[in-house]
Structures are given as structure tokens and as C-alpha cells.
């Protein structure tokens, strides 16, 4: 999906250039596909910046486990500062990055250790299906399964509606948010401006699936209100 922004060429008054807001998403771990898309989007940004007469930026969205999830041209910066070579990161920066990764891994472990995070077997029992069926549904995005390096997949018990079935919006949410289960999880447990401060989960429980989908699309397109 793509939209277009219109910007003025530098020094040309009313001359305007339509700049597409293009989003690319890929399911991990298709590293080669992502790298190809990254290079393509970089080339597109260079082309658009030359047409517009000023800098054009693009964003790479990354999931908690450091897998690139989406690339999008998001804004034009007429007064952007030029890029400078910074060389190797300092020891302090390296240490800070190492600490940040460690905190991220610890947080993932804490989330997966919660009482409402079920194993595939326990979740299968809850649904009345086999473990194989649960894993098949996870792979197709019909249920939410969070991957942990040591714990394996965990399935939030709260992803079921009042009838004991997974929320129907889950597959579309996975598609919109780049196929990342962790991105869907964050969306569901975090208050969203597009949902008047409700979390995605609260809105689903309030039977507002259309609003939930629209809020997710807004996030995917860079609208973080």
C-alpha cells in the first residue's frame, strides 16, 4: 500500500513533487528479501531527494528480537542536517547497547514467564484442539504465539473472546504489523491514541474490531498519536 505526500521543490515556488509514502514489510527470517528491499528503498529516497531539492528520510521498524520488520519513506526534512561520518562507536555506546539488549532479553523472559502465557499444550487444551493445530494456526496468524529462545512459544490466554475463540482480528493485525507476533502483542497491551487511550485488547473486548484495525494501520503508516 502507498500514499503520496506533495512537497515543494527548493527554489521553484509552486513547483511540487509527489512523494510516495511506501511501506515494505517482511516476515522474519527472510534476511535476503529484507536487505534487497532496504537497498531499493534507499535508492528511492536518493531519487526523491534529488527531485525535491532537500533530504528525504525513511524509517526501519525493528521488533524486540532485533529482526527488521518494515521499511517506509516517512517524511521530508527541508532543513535536515547533513550526514557526518562518525567512525566506530565509543566504548560507552557499545556498553550502553549491550545493556539495552540485556534489558530487552530480560523483559521478554518476564513477559513469557507470566501466568497468562500458556505452552502450546496448555493452549491446545484450552481450545480443545491438538498441539499440531495450535502451531498451524500460529504460523498462519490465527493465534498469537510469542517466541522465546529458551521457553519456546507461549500463547497469551487473553487472546480468546467470550466464546473461547481467538479474536477474529488477529490474522489481519499480524498482516498489518509486518507479520511480527511481538508487534501485535505490543499493540494489544499498550494504550493507543487512535483508540482513545484503550489498549488494542480492551477495544477488542469492547467489540470494536474495525477501530482496532484502523488504529493498527495508523501505526504501520507512522501515525503514533
C-alpha atoms as a PDB file:
ATOM      1  CA  UNK A   1       0.000   0.000   0.000  1.00  0.00           C
ATOM      2  CA  UNK A   2       1.296   3.502  -0.734  1.00  0.00           C
ATOM      3  CA  UNK A   3       0.112   7.057  -0.286  1.00  0.00           C
ATOM      4  CA  UNK A   4       1.647  10.286  -1.563  1.00  0.00           C
ATOM      5  CA  UNK A   5       2.812  13.500   0.029  1.00  0.00           C
ATOM      6  CA  UNK A   6       3.245  16.678  -2.074  1.00  0.00           C
ATOM      7  CA  UNK A   7       6.244  18.867  -1.347  1.00  0.00           C
ATOM      8  CA  UNK A   8       7.730  21.981  -2.931  1.00  0.00           C
ATOM      9  CA  UNK A   9      10.929  21.834  -4.927  1.00  0.00           C
ATOM     10  CA  UNK A  10      13.566  24.031  -3.350  1.00  0.00           C
ATOM     11  CA  UNK A  11      13.717  27.392  -5.104  1.00  0.00           C
ATOM     12  CA  UNK A  12      10.842  26.705  -7.515  1.00  0.00           C
ATOM     13  CA  UNK A  13       7.916  28.309  -5.724  1.00  0.00           C
ATOM     14  CA  UNK A  14       4.769  26.477  -6.716  1.00  0.00           C
ATOM     15  CA  UNK A  15       6.523  23.542  -8.461  1.00  0.00           C
ATOM     16  CA  UNK A  16       5.630  20.492  -6.437  1.00  0.00           C
ATOM     17  CA  UNK A  17       6.721  16.874  -6.365  1.00  0.00           C
ATOM     18  CA  UNK A  18       4.534  13.967  -5.239  1.00  0.00           C
ATOM     19  CA  UNK A  19       6.482  11.845  -2.788  1.00  0.00           C
ATOM     20  CA  UNK A  20       5.063   8.363  -2.136  1.00  0.00           C
ATOM     21  CA  UNK A  21       4.933   7.049   1.397  1.00  0.00           C
ATOM     22  CA  UNK A  22       5.866   3.463   0.587  1.00  0.00           C
ATOM     23  CA  UNK A  23       5.884   0.681   3.183  1.00  0.00           C
ATOM     24  CA  UNK A  24       7.617  -2.677   2.824  1.00  0.00           C
ATOM     25  CA  UNK A  25       7.197  -5.491   5.309  1.00  0.00           C
ATOM     26  CA  UNK A  26       8.669  -8.963   5.521  1.00  0.00           C
ATOM     27  CA  UNK A  27       8.280 -11.961   7.752  1.00  0.00           C
ATOM     28  CA  UNK A  28      11.465 -12.965   9.532  1.00  0.00           C
ATOM     29  CA  UNK A  29      13.938 -14.515   8.946  1.00  0.00           C
ATOM     30  CA  UNK A  30      13.905 -13.615   5.213  1.00  0.00           C
ATOM     31  CA  UNK A  31      17.111 -11.625   5.572  1.00  0.00           C
ATOM     32  CA  UNK A  32      17.934 -11.562   1.858  1.00  0.00           C
ATOM     33  CA  UNK A  33      14.491 -10.205   0.975  1.00  0.00           C
ATOM     34  CA  UNK A  34      14.799  -7.513   3.626  1.00  0.00           C
ATOM     35  CA  UNK A  35      18.283  -6.452   2.515  1.00  0.00           C
ATOM     36  CA  UNK A  36      17.097  -6.209  -1.090  1.00  0.00           C
ATOM     37  CA  UNK A  37      14.143  -4.060  -0.023  1.00  0.00           C
ATOM     38  CA  UNK A  38      16.386  -1.857   2.139  1.00  0.00           C
ATOM     39  CA  UNK A  39      18.684  -1.129  -0.800  1.00  0.00           C
ATOM     40  CA  UNK A  40      15.695  -0.473  -3.051  1.00  0.00           C
ATOM     41  CA  UNK A  41      14.142   1.973  -0.587  1.00  0.00           C
ATOM     42  CA  UNK A  42      17.488   3.720  -0.106  1.00  0.00           C
ATOM     43  CA  UNK A  43      17.723   4.232  -3.860  1.00  0.00           C
ATOM     44  CA  UNK A  44      14.165   5.545  -3.921  1.00  0.00           C
ATOM     45  CA  UNK A  45      14.981   8.002  -1.121  1.00  0.00           C
ATOM     46  CA  UNK A  46      18.034   9.256  -3.058  1.00  0.00           C
ATOM     47  CA  UNK A  47      15.942   9.754  -6.200  1.00  0.00           C
ATOM     48  CA  UNK A  48      13.185  11.613  -4.351  1.00  0.00           C
ATOM     49  CA  UNK A  49      15.647  13.852  -2.502  1.00  0.00           C
ATOM     50  CA  UNK A  50      17.156  14.945  -5.816  1.00  0.00           C
ATOM     51  CA  UNK A  51      13.714  15.724  -7.237  1.00  0.00           C
ATOM     52  CA  UNK A  52      12.585  17.577  -4.109  1.00  0.00           C
ATOM     53  CA  UNK A  53      15.797  19.528  -3.583  1.00  0.00           C
ATOM     54  CA  UNK A  54      16.170  18.516   0.056  1.00  0.00           C
ATOM     55  CA  UNK A  55      16.609  15.486   2.292  1.00  0.00           C
ATOM     56  CA  UNK A  56      14.167  12.573   2.357  1.00  0.00           C
ATOM     57  CA  UNK A  57      14.252  10.109   5.249  1.00  0.00           C
ATOM     58  CA  UNK A  58      12.981   6.579   5.738  1.00  0.00           C
ATOM     59  CA  UNK A  59      12.339   4.524   8.846  1.00  0.00           C
ATOM     60  CA  UNK A  60      13.237   0.912   9.671  1.00  0.00           C
ATOM     61  CA  UNK A  61      10.926  -0.633  12.295  1.00  0.00           C
ATOM     62  CA  UNK A  62      12.563  -3.407  14.341  1.00  0.00           C
ATOM     63  CA  UNK A  63      10.907  -5.996  16.562  1.00  0.00           C
ATOM     64  CA  UNK A  64      12.104  -6.794  20.139  1.00  0.00           C
ATOM     65  CA  UNK A  65      14.405  -9.534  18.935  1.00  0.00           C
ATOM     66  CA  UNK A  66      16.203  -7.201  16.512  1.00  0.00           C
ATOM     67  CA  UNK A  67      14.626  -8.541  13.340  1.00  0.00           C
ATOM     68  CA  UNK A  68      13.808  -5.836  10.797  1.00  0.00           C
ATOM     69  CA  UNK A  69      10.112  -5.746  10.194  1.00  0.00           C
ATOM     70  CA  UNK A  70       9.213  -2.768   7.998  1.00  0.00           C
ATOM     71  CA  UNK A  71      10.818  -0.048   5.897  1.00  0.00           C
ATOM     72  CA  UNK A  72       8.911   3.088   4.952  1.00  0.00           C
ATOM     73  CA  UNK A  73       9.589   6.515   3.477  1.00  0.00           C
ATOM     74  CA  UNK A  74       8.062   8.619   6.194  1.00  0.00           C
ATOM     75  CA  UNK A  75       8.943  12.289   5.926  1.00  0.00           C
ATOM     76  CA  UNK A  76      10.845  15.025   4.133  1.00  0.00           C
ATOM     77  CA  UNK A  77      13.241  17.261   6.043  1.00  0.00           C
ATOM     78  CA  UNK A  78      13.899  20.553   4.188  1.00  0.00           C
ATOM     79  CA  UNK A  79      16.256  21.726   6.940  1.00  0.00           C
ATOM     80  CA  UNK A  80      17.853  18.402   7.824  1.00  0.00           C
ATOM     81  CA  UNK A  81      21.473  18.424   8.907  1.00  0.00           C
ATOM     82  CA  UNK A  82      23.984  16.739   6.576  1.00  0.00           C
ATOM     83  CA  UNK A  83      25.119  13.250   7.470  1.00  0.00           C
ATOM     84  CA  UNK A  84      28.545  13.113   9.071  1.00  0.00           C
ATOM     85  CA  UNK A  85      30.917  10.181   9.362  1.00  0.00           C
ATOM     86  CA  UNK A  86      31.072   9.130  12.995  1.00  0.00           C
ATOM     87  CA  UNK A  87      33.512   6.220  12.815  1.00  0.00           C
ATOM     88  CA  UNK A  88      33.404   3.347  15.272  1.00  0.00           C
ATOM     89  CA  UNK A  89      31.008   3.687  18.225  1.00  0.00           C
ATOM     90  CA  UNK A  90      32.635   4.609  21.501  1.00  0.00           C
ATOM     91  CA  UNK A  91      33.149   2.102  24.293  1.00  0.00           C
ATOM     92  CA  UNK A  92      30.441   3.864  26.291  1.00  0.00           C
ATOM     93  CA  UNK A  93      27.978   3.492  23.418  1.00  0.00           C
ATOM     94  CA  UNK A  94      28.870  -0.171  22.957  1.00  0.00           C
ATOM     95  CA  UNK A  95      28.344  -0.771  26.672  1.00  0.00           C
ATOM     96  CA  UNK A  96      25.002   1.048  26.583  1.00  0.00           C
ATOM     97  CA  UNK A  97      23.846  -1.035  23.611  1.00  0.00           C
ATOM     98  CA  UNK A  98      24.902  -4.238  25.355  1.00  0.00           C
ATOM     99  CA  UNK A  99      22.970  -3.232  28.478  1.00  0.00           C
ATOM    100  CA  UNK A 100      19.917  -2.335  26.385  1.00  0.00           C
ATOM    101  CA  UNK A 101      19.959  -5.738  24.685  1.00  0.00           C
ATOM    102  CA  UNK A 102      20.279  -7.444  28.051  1.00  0.00           C
ATOM    103  CA  UNK A 103      17.321  -5.479  29.419  1.00  0.00           C
ATOM    104  CA  UNK A 104      15.303  -6.407  26.342  1.00  0.00           C
ATOM    105  CA  UNK A 105      16.027 -10.111  26.780  1.00  0.00           C
ATOM    106  CA  UNK A 106      15.166  -9.898  30.467  1.00  0.00           C
ATOM    107  CA  UNK A 107      11.861  -8.179  29.691  1.00  0.00           C
ATOM    108  CA  UNK A 108      10.984 -10.840  27.105  1.00  0.00           C
ATOM    109  CA  UNK A 109      11.689 -13.552  29.684  1.00  0.00           C
ATOM    110  CA  UNK A 110       9.494 -11.790  32.253  1.00  0.00           C
ATOM    111  CA  UNK A 111       6.622 -11.492  29.776  1.00  0.00           C
ATOM    112  CA  UNK A 112       6.811 -15.146  28.763  1.00  0.00           C
ATOM    113  CA  UNK A 113       7.002 -16.283  32.392  1.00  0.00           C
ATOM    114  CA  UNK A 114       3.668 -14.656  33.306  1.00  0.00           C
ATOM    115  CA  UNK A 115       0.818 -16.904  34.433  1.00  0.00           C
ATOM    116  CA  UNK A 116      -1.330 -15.989  31.419  1.00  0.00           C
ATOM    117  CA  UNK A 117       1.339 -17.189  28.971  1.00  0.00           C
ATOM    118  CA  UNK A 118       0.476 -20.788  28.098  1.00  0.00           C
ATOM    119  CA  UNK A 119       2.522 -23.516  26.495  1.00  0.00           C
ATOM    120  CA  UNK A 120       1.322 -24.948  23.196  1.00  0.00           C
ATOM    121  CA  UNK A 121      -0.027 -27.981  25.064  1.00  0.00           C
ATOM    122  CA  UNK A 122      -1.951 -25.899  27.605  1.00  0.00           C
ATOM    123  CA  UNK A 123      -3.314 -23.590  24.925  1.00  0.00           C
ATOM    124  CA  UNK A 124      -4.369 -26.587  22.828  1.00  0.00           C
ATOM    125  CA  UNK A 125      -6.273 -27.977  25.820  1.00  0.00           C
ATOM    126  CA  UNK A 126      -7.960 -24.602  26.292  1.00  0.00           C
ATOM    127  CA  UNK A 127      -9.114 -24.588  22.669  1.00  0.00           C
ATOM    128  CA  UNK A 128      -9.937 -28.283  22.597  1.00  0.00           C
ATOM    129  CA  UNK A 129      -7.591 -28.969  19.682  1.00  0.00           C
ATOM    130  CA  UNK A 130      -4.235 -30.674  19.176  1.00  0.00           C
ATOM    131  CA  UNK A 131      -0.829 -29.063  19.625  1.00  0.00           C
ATOM    132  CA  UNK A 132      -0.227 -29.517  15.893  1.00  0.00           C
ATOM    133  CA  UNK A 133      -3.367 -27.500  15.164  1.00  0.00           C
ATOM    134  CA  UNK A 134      -2.218 -24.743  17.520  1.00  0.00           C
ATOM    135  CA  UNK A 135       1.151 -24.478  15.778  1.00  0.00           C
ATOM    136  CA  UNK A 136      -0.517 -24.471  12.366  1.00  0.00           C
ATOM    137  CA  UNK A 137      -2.801 -21.637  13.451  1.00  0.00           C
ATOM    138  CA  UNK A 138       0.157 -19.751  14.910  1.00  0.00           C
ATOM    139  CA  UNK A 139       2.039 -19.976  11.634  1.00  0.00           C
ATOM    140  CA  UNK A 140      -0.976 -18.661   9.726  1.00  0.00           C
ATOM    141  CA  UNK A 141      -1.517 -15.804  12.204  1.00  0.00           C
ATOM    142  CA  UNK A 142      -4.847 -17.098  13.502  1.00  0.00           C
ATOM    143  CA  UNK A 143      -3.495 -17.243  17.053  1.00  0.00           C
ATOM    144  CA  UNK A 144      -0.803 -15.197  18.766  1.00  0.00           C
ATOM    145  CA  UNK A 145       2.312 -17.134  19.748  1.00  0.00           C
ATOM    146  CA  UNK A 146       5.340 -15.338  21.218  1.00  0.00           C
ATOM    147  CA  UNK A 147       8.753 -16.855  20.667  1.00  0.00           C
ATOM    148  CA  UNK A 148      11.326 -17.095  23.433  1.00  0.00           C
ATOM    149  CA  UNK A 149      14.798 -18.521  22.861  1.00  0.00           C
ATOM    150  CA  UNK A 150      14.688 -20.789  25.930  1.00  0.00           C
ATOM    151  CA  UNK A 151      10.990 -21.140  26.665  1.00  0.00           C
ATOM    152  CA  UNK A 152       9.722 -21.847  23.169  1.00  0.00           C
ATOM    153  CA  UNK A 153       6.430 -20.348  22.054  1.00  0.00           C
ATOM    154  CA  UNK A 154       3.989 -19.004  24.609  1.00  0.00           C
ATOM    155  CA  UNK A 155       0.337 -18.221  23.885  1.00  0.00           C
ATOM    156  CA  UNK A 156      -1.479 -15.429  25.778  1.00  0.00           C
ATOM    157  CA  UNK A 157      -4.651 -16.854  27.297  1.00  0.00           C
ATOM    158  CA  UNK A 158      -6.339 -13.450  26.894  1.00  0.00           C
ATOM    159  CA  UNK A 159      -6.415 -13.660  23.096  1.00  0.00           C
ATOM    160  CA  UNK A 160      -9.739 -15.532  23.288  1.00  0.00           C
ATOM    161  CA  UNK A 161     -13.136 -13.844  23.112  1.00  0.00           C
ATOM    162  CA  UNK A 162     -16.109 -14.524  25.386  1.00  0.00           C
ATOM    163  CA  UNK A 163     -16.936 -17.618  23.344  1.00  0.00           C
ATOM    164  CA  UNK A 164     -13.473 -19.061  23.879  1.00  0.00           C
ATOM    165  CA  UNK A 165     -12.319 -18.432  20.322  1.00  0.00           C
ATOM    166  CA  UNK A 166      -9.289 -16.382  19.196  1.00  0.00           C
ATOM    167  CA  UNK A 167     -10.226 -12.830  18.245  1.00  0.00           C
ATOM    168  CA  UNK A 168     -11.092 -12.725  14.554  1.00  0.00           C
ATOM    169  CA  UNK A 169      -8.957  -9.610  14.055  1.00  0.00           C
ATOM    170  CA  UNK A 170      -5.696 -11.409  14.887  1.00  0.00           C
ATOM    171  CA  UNK A 171      -4.783 -12.561  11.350  1.00  0.00           C
ATOM    172  CA  UNK A 172      -5.298  -9.079   9.902  1.00  0.00           C
ATOM    173  CA  UNK A 173      -3.358  -7.480  12.755  1.00  0.00           C
ATOM    174  CA  UNK A 174      -0.428  -9.792  12.057  1.00  0.00           C
ATOM    175  CA  UNK A 175      -0.537  -8.856   8.384  1.00  0.00           C
ATOM    176  CA  UNK A 176      -0.749  -5.112   9.035  1.00  0.00           C
ATOM    177  CA  UNK A 177       2.050  -5.127  11.613  1.00  0.00           C
ATOM    178  CA  UNK A 178       4.571  -6.895   9.425  1.00  0.00           C
ATOM    179  CA  UNK A 179       3.913 -10.479  10.459  1.00  0.00           C
ATOM    180  CA  UNK A 180       5.529  -9.887  13.857  1.00  0.00           C
ATOM    181  CA  UNK A 181       3.774 -11.539  16.794  1.00  0.00           C
ATOM    182  CA  UNK A 182       5.681  -9.282  19.179  1.00  0.00           C
ATOM    183  CA  UNK A 183       4.457  -6.178  17.328  1.00  0.00           C
ATOM    184  CA  UNK A 184       0.882  -7.449  17.674  1.00  0.00           C
ATOM    185  CA  UNK A 185       1.478  -8.140  21.377  1.00  0.00           C
ATOM    186  CA  UNK A 186       2.770  -4.602  21.988  1.00  0.00           C
ATOM    187  CA  UNK A 187      -0.182  -3.137  20.113  1.00  0.00           C
ATOM    188  CA  UNK A 188      -2.671  -5.168  22.143  1.00  0.00           C
ATOM    189  CA  UNK A 189      -1.234  -4.334  25.577  1.00  0.00           C
ATOM    190  CA  UNK A 190      -0.312  -0.664  25.023  1.00  0.00           C
ATOM    191  CA  UNK A 191      -2.792   2.250  25.255  1.00  0.00           C
ATOM    192  CA  UNK A 192      -3.415   3.626  21.761  1.00  0.00           C
ATOM    193  CA  UNK A 193      -4.236   7.228  20.919  1.00  0.00           C
ATOM    194  CA  UNK A 194      -6.258   6.018  17.953  1.00  0.00           C
ATOM    195  CA  UNK A 195      -8.437   4.050  20.376  1.00  0.00           C
ATOM    196  CA  UNK A 196      -8.977   6.950  22.808  1.00  0.00           C
ATOM    197  CA  UNK A 197      -6.425   5.557  25.231  1.00  0.00           C
ATOM    198  CA  UNK A 198      -7.696   1.986  25.218  1.00  0.00           C
ATOM    199  CA  UNK A 199      -5.311  -0.860  24.551  1.00  0.00           C
ATOM    200  CA  UNK A 200      -5.932  -2.939  21.463  1.00  0.00           C
ATOM    201  CA  UNK A 201      -7.092  -5.782  23.692  1.00  0.00           C
ATOM    202  CA  UNK A 202      -9.561  -3.582  25.582  1.00  0.00           C
ATOM    203  CA  UNK A 203     -11.014  -2.367  22.294  1.00  0.00           C
ATOM    204  CA  UNK A 204     -11.397  -5.929  21.010  1.00  0.00           C
ATOM    205  CA  UNK A 205     -13.172  -6.903  24.216  1.00  0.00           C
ATOM    206  CA  UNK A 206     -15.444  -3.885  23.693  1.00  0.00           C
ATOM    207  CA  UNK A 207     -16.332  -5.301  20.276  1.00  0.00           C
ATOM    208  CA  UNK A 208     -14.583  -2.600  18.257  1.00  0.00           C
ATOM    209  CA  UNK A 209     -12.663  -4.693  15.709  1.00  0.00           C
ATOM    210  CA  UNK A 210     -12.925  -2.112  12.914  1.00  0.00           C
ATOM    211  CA  UNK A 211     -11.460   0.627  15.126  1.00  0.00           C
ATOM    212  CA  UNK A 212      -8.680  -1.732  16.203  1.00  0.00           C
ATOM    213  CA  UNK A 213      -7.745  -2.493  12.601  1.00  0.00           C
ATOM    214  CA  UNK A 214      -7.707   1.205  11.688  1.00  0.00           C
ATOM    215  CA  UNK A 215      -5.518   2.029  14.695  1.00  0.00           C
ATOM    216  CA  UNK A 216      -3.054  -0.692  13.688  1.00  0.00           C
ATOM    217  CA  UNK A 217      -2.946   0.658  10.141  1.00  0.00           C
ATOM    218  CA  UNK A 218      -2.193   4.102  11.520  1.00  0.00           C
ATOM    219  CA  UNK A 219       0.793   2.730  13.429  1.00  0.00           C
ATOM    220  CA  UNK A 220       2.035   0.818  10.385  1.00  0.00           C
ATOM    221  CA  UNK A 221       1.906   4.060   8.382  1.00  0.00           C
ATOM    222  CA  UNK A 222       3.800   6.035  11.012  1.00  0.00           C
ATOM    223  CA  UNK A 223       0.893   7.679  12.843  1.00  0.00           C
ATOM    224  CA  UNK A 224       1.783   7.366  16.548  1.00  0.00           C
ATOM    225  CA  UNK A 225      -0.900   9.644  18.003  1.00  0.00           C
END
